[in-house]
Amino acid sequence: MSSIGTWIVILILAAVIALVVWKLVKDKRNGKSSCGCNCGCCPNSQLCHSKTETKSK
């Protein structure tokens, strides 16, 4: 019974992590970027956007 507090904290943390992952996947499917910055000066812009998207920007 003394570890019930630990299990409650673990369950709460697991739920928060699951919600964060779910939100990231949902945003990725909707085409939203997680950085929100200007892609023109980002060295990783080729990783985030396809070549057709970067040409149109």
N, C-alpha and C. Protein backbone atom coordinates (compact mmCIF):
# COMPACT_ATOMS: atom_id res chain seq x y z
N MET A 1 0.81 -1.21 0.00
CA MET A 1 0.00 0.00 0.00
C MET A 1 0.84 1.27 0.00
N SER A 2 2.06 1.18 0.44
CA SER A 2 2.89 2.38 0.49
C SER A 2 3.32 2.84 -0.90
N SER A 3 3.25 1.97 -1.89
CA SER A 3 3.69 2.35 -3.24
C SER A 3 2.54 2.84 -4.11
N ILE A 4 1.36 2.98 -3.55
CA ILE A 4 0.22 3.44 -4.36
C ILE A 4 0.43 4.88 -4.83
N GLY A 5 1.08 5.68 -4.04
CA GLY A 5 1.39 7.05 -4.45
C GLY A 5 2.34 7.08 -5.64
N THR A 6 3.30 6.18 -5.62
CA THR A 6 4.24 6.08 -6.73
C THR A 6 3.51 5.68 -8.00
N TRP A 7 2.61 4.72 -7.91
CA TRP A 7 1.86 4.27 -9.09
C TRP A 7 0.95 5.37 -9.63
N ILE A 8 0.39 6.16 -8.76
CA ILE A 8 -0.46 7.28 -9.21
C ILE A 8 0.37 8.29 -9.99
N VAL A 9 1.55 8.62 -9.48
CA VAL A 9 2.43 9.56 -10.15
C VAL A 9 2.88 8.99 -11.50
N ILE A 10 3.22 7.71 -11.55
CA ILE A 10 3.63 7.08 -12.80
C ILE A 10 2.50 7.13 -13.82
N LEU A 11 1.27 6.84 -13.40
CA LEU A 11 0.13 6.88 -14.31
C LEU A 11 -0.14 8.29 -14.83
N ILE A 12 0.00 9.28 -13.96
CA ILE A 12 -0.21 10.67 -14.39
C ILE A 12 0.87 11.08 -15.40
N LEU A 13 2.11 10.74 -15.12
CA LEU A 13 3.20 11.06 -16.05
C LEU A 13 3.03 10.34 -17.39
N ALA A 14 2.62 9.09 -17.35
CA ALA A 14 2.39 8.34 -18.59
C ALA A 14 1.27 8.98 -19.41
N ALA A 15 0.22 9.45 -18.73
CA ALA A 15 -0.89 10.10 -19.43
C ALA A 15 -0.43 11.40 -20.07
N VAL A 16 0.37 12.18 -19.38
CA VAL A 16 0.88 13.44 -19.92
C VAL A 16 1.77 13.18 -21.13
N ILE A 17 2.65 12.20 -21.03
CA ILE A 17 3.53 11.87 -22.15
C ILE A 17 2.72 11.38 -23.34
N ALA A 18 1.70 10.56 -23.10
CA ALA A 18 0.85 10.07 -24.18
C ALA A 18 0.13 11.22 -24.87
N LEU A 19 -0.36 12.19 -24.10
CA LEU A 19 -1.04 13.35 -24.68
C LEU A 19 -0.09 14.21 -25.52
N VAL A 20 1.13 14.37 -25.06
CA VAL A 20 2.11 15.16 -25.81
C VAL A 20 2.44 14.47 -27.13
N VAL A 21 2.67 13.16 -27.08
CA VAL A 21 2.97 12.41 -28.30
C VAL A 21 1.78 12.47 -29.26
N TRP A 22 0.57 12.31 -28.73
CA TRP A 22 -0.64 12.36 -29.56
C TRP A 22 -0.77 13.72 -30.24
N LYS A 23 -0.48 14.79 -29.52
CA LYS A 23 -0.57 16.14 -30.08
C LYS A 23 0.49 16.34 -31.17
N LEU A 24 1.70 15.85 -30.95
CA LEU A 24 2.76 15.98 -31.97
C LEU A 24 2.40 15.22 -33.24
N VAL A 25 1.87 14.01 -33.09
CA VAL A 25 1.48 13.22 -34.25
C VAL A 25 0.33 13.90 -35.00
N LYS A 26 -0.63 14.41 -34.26
CA LYS A 26 -1.78 15.10 -34.86
C LYS A 26 -1.31 16.34 -35.63
N ASP A 27 -0.42 17.12 -35.04
CA ASP A 27 0.09 18.31 -35.72
C ASP A 27 0.91 17.93 -36.96
N LYS A 28 1.69 16.87 -36.87
CA LYS A 28 2.49 16.43 -38.01
C LYS A 28 1.58 16.00 -39.16
N ARG A 29 0.48 15.29 -38.86
CA ARG A 29 -0.46 14.87 -39.89
C ARG A 29 -1.17 16.05 -40.54
N ASN A 30 -1.37 17.11 -39.77
CA ASN A 30 -2.03 18.31 -40.30
C ASN A 30 -1.05 19.27 -40.97
N GLY A 31 0.23 18.91 -41.01
CA GLY A 31 1.22 19.74 -41.69
C GLY A 31 1.73 20.90 -40.87
N LYS A 32 1.49 20.90 -39.59
CA LYS A 32 1.97 21.99 -38.74
C LYS A 32 3.41 21.72 -38.32
N SER A 33 4.19 22.79 -38.24
CA SER A 33 5.57 22.68 -37.82
C SER A 33 5.65 22.89 -36.32
N SER A 34 6.61 22.26 -35.70
CA SER A 34 6.75 22.40 -34.25
C SER A 34 7.64 23.58 -33.87
N CYS A 35 8.42 24.11 -34.82
CA CYS A 35 9.35 25.19 -34.45
C CYS A 35 8.70 26.56 -34.56
N GLY A 36 7.93 26.82 -35.62
CA GLY A 36 7.26 28.10 -35.76
C GLY A 36 8.16 29.24 -36.21
N CYS A 37 9.36 28.92 -36.65
CA CYS A 37 10.31 29.96 -37.05
C CYS A 37 10.37 30.11 -38.56
N ASN A 38 11.18 31.04 -39.01
CA ASN A 38 11.39 31.28 -40.43
C ASN A 38 12.25 30.16 -41.00
N CYS A 39 11.72 29.42 -41.96
CA CYS A 39 12.44 28.28 -42.53
C CYS A 39 13.56 28.70 -43.47
N GLY A 40 13.56 29.95 -43.92
CA GLY A 40 14.59 30.40 -44.84
C GLY A 40 15.98 30.41 -44.23
N CYS A 41 16.09 30.62 -42.95
CA CYS A 41 17.40 30.67 -42.31
C CYS A 41 17.68 29.43 -41.47
N CYS A 42 16.84 28.42 -41.58
CA CYS A 42 17.01 27.20 -40.79
C CYS A 42 17.86 26.18 -41.55
N PRO A 43 18.92 25.66 -40.94
CA PRO A 43 19.75 24.68 -41.64
C PRO A 43 19.05 23.34 -41.85
N ASN A 44 17.98 23.08 -41.12
CA ASN A 44 17.25 21.82 -41.24
C ASN A 44 15.96 21.96 -42.04
N SER A 45 15.82 23.02 -42.80
CA SER A 45 14.56 23.23 -43.53
C SER A 45 14.30 22.14 -44.56
N GLN A 46 15.34 21.54 -45.11
CA GLN A 46 15.17 20.45 -46.08
C GLN A 46 14.59 19.21 -45.41
N LEU A 47 14.81 19.04 -44.11
CA LEU A 47 14.28 17.89 -43.40
C LEU A 47 12.81 18.05 -43.08
N CYS A 48 12.35 19.27 -42.90
CA CYS A 48 10.97 19.52 -42.51
C CYS A 48 10.02 19.55 -43.70
N HIS A 49 10.46 20.07 -44.82
CA HIS A 49 9.59 20.31 -45.95
C HIS A 49 10.09 19.57 -47.19
N SER A 50 9.14 19.16 -48.01
CA SER A 50 9.54 18.51 -49.26
C SER A 50 10.08 19.57 -50.22
N LYS A 51 10.69 19.14 -51.30
CA LYS A 51 11.30 20.07 -52.25
C LYS A 51 10.24 20.94 -52.93
N THR A 52 9.05 20.42 -53.14
CA THR A 52 8.01 21.23 -53.79
C THR A 52 7.54 22.34 -52.87
N GLU A 53 7.49 22.07 -51.57
CA GLU A 53 7.07 23.10 -50.62
C GLU A 53 8.12 24.20 -50.49
N THR A 54 9.40 23.84 -50.46
CA THR A 54 10.43 24.86 -50.27
C THR A 54 10.60 25.71 -51.51
N LYS A 55 10.32 25.17 -52.69
CA LYS A 55 10.42 25.96 -53.91
C LYS A 55 9.33 27.01 -53.99
N SER A 56 8.15 26.71 -53.44
CA SER A 56 7.05 27.65 -53.52
C SER A 56 7.17 28.76 -52.49
N LYS A 57 8.02 28.61 -51.51
CA LYS A 57 8.14 29.63 -50.45
C LYS A 57 9.06 30.71 -50.83
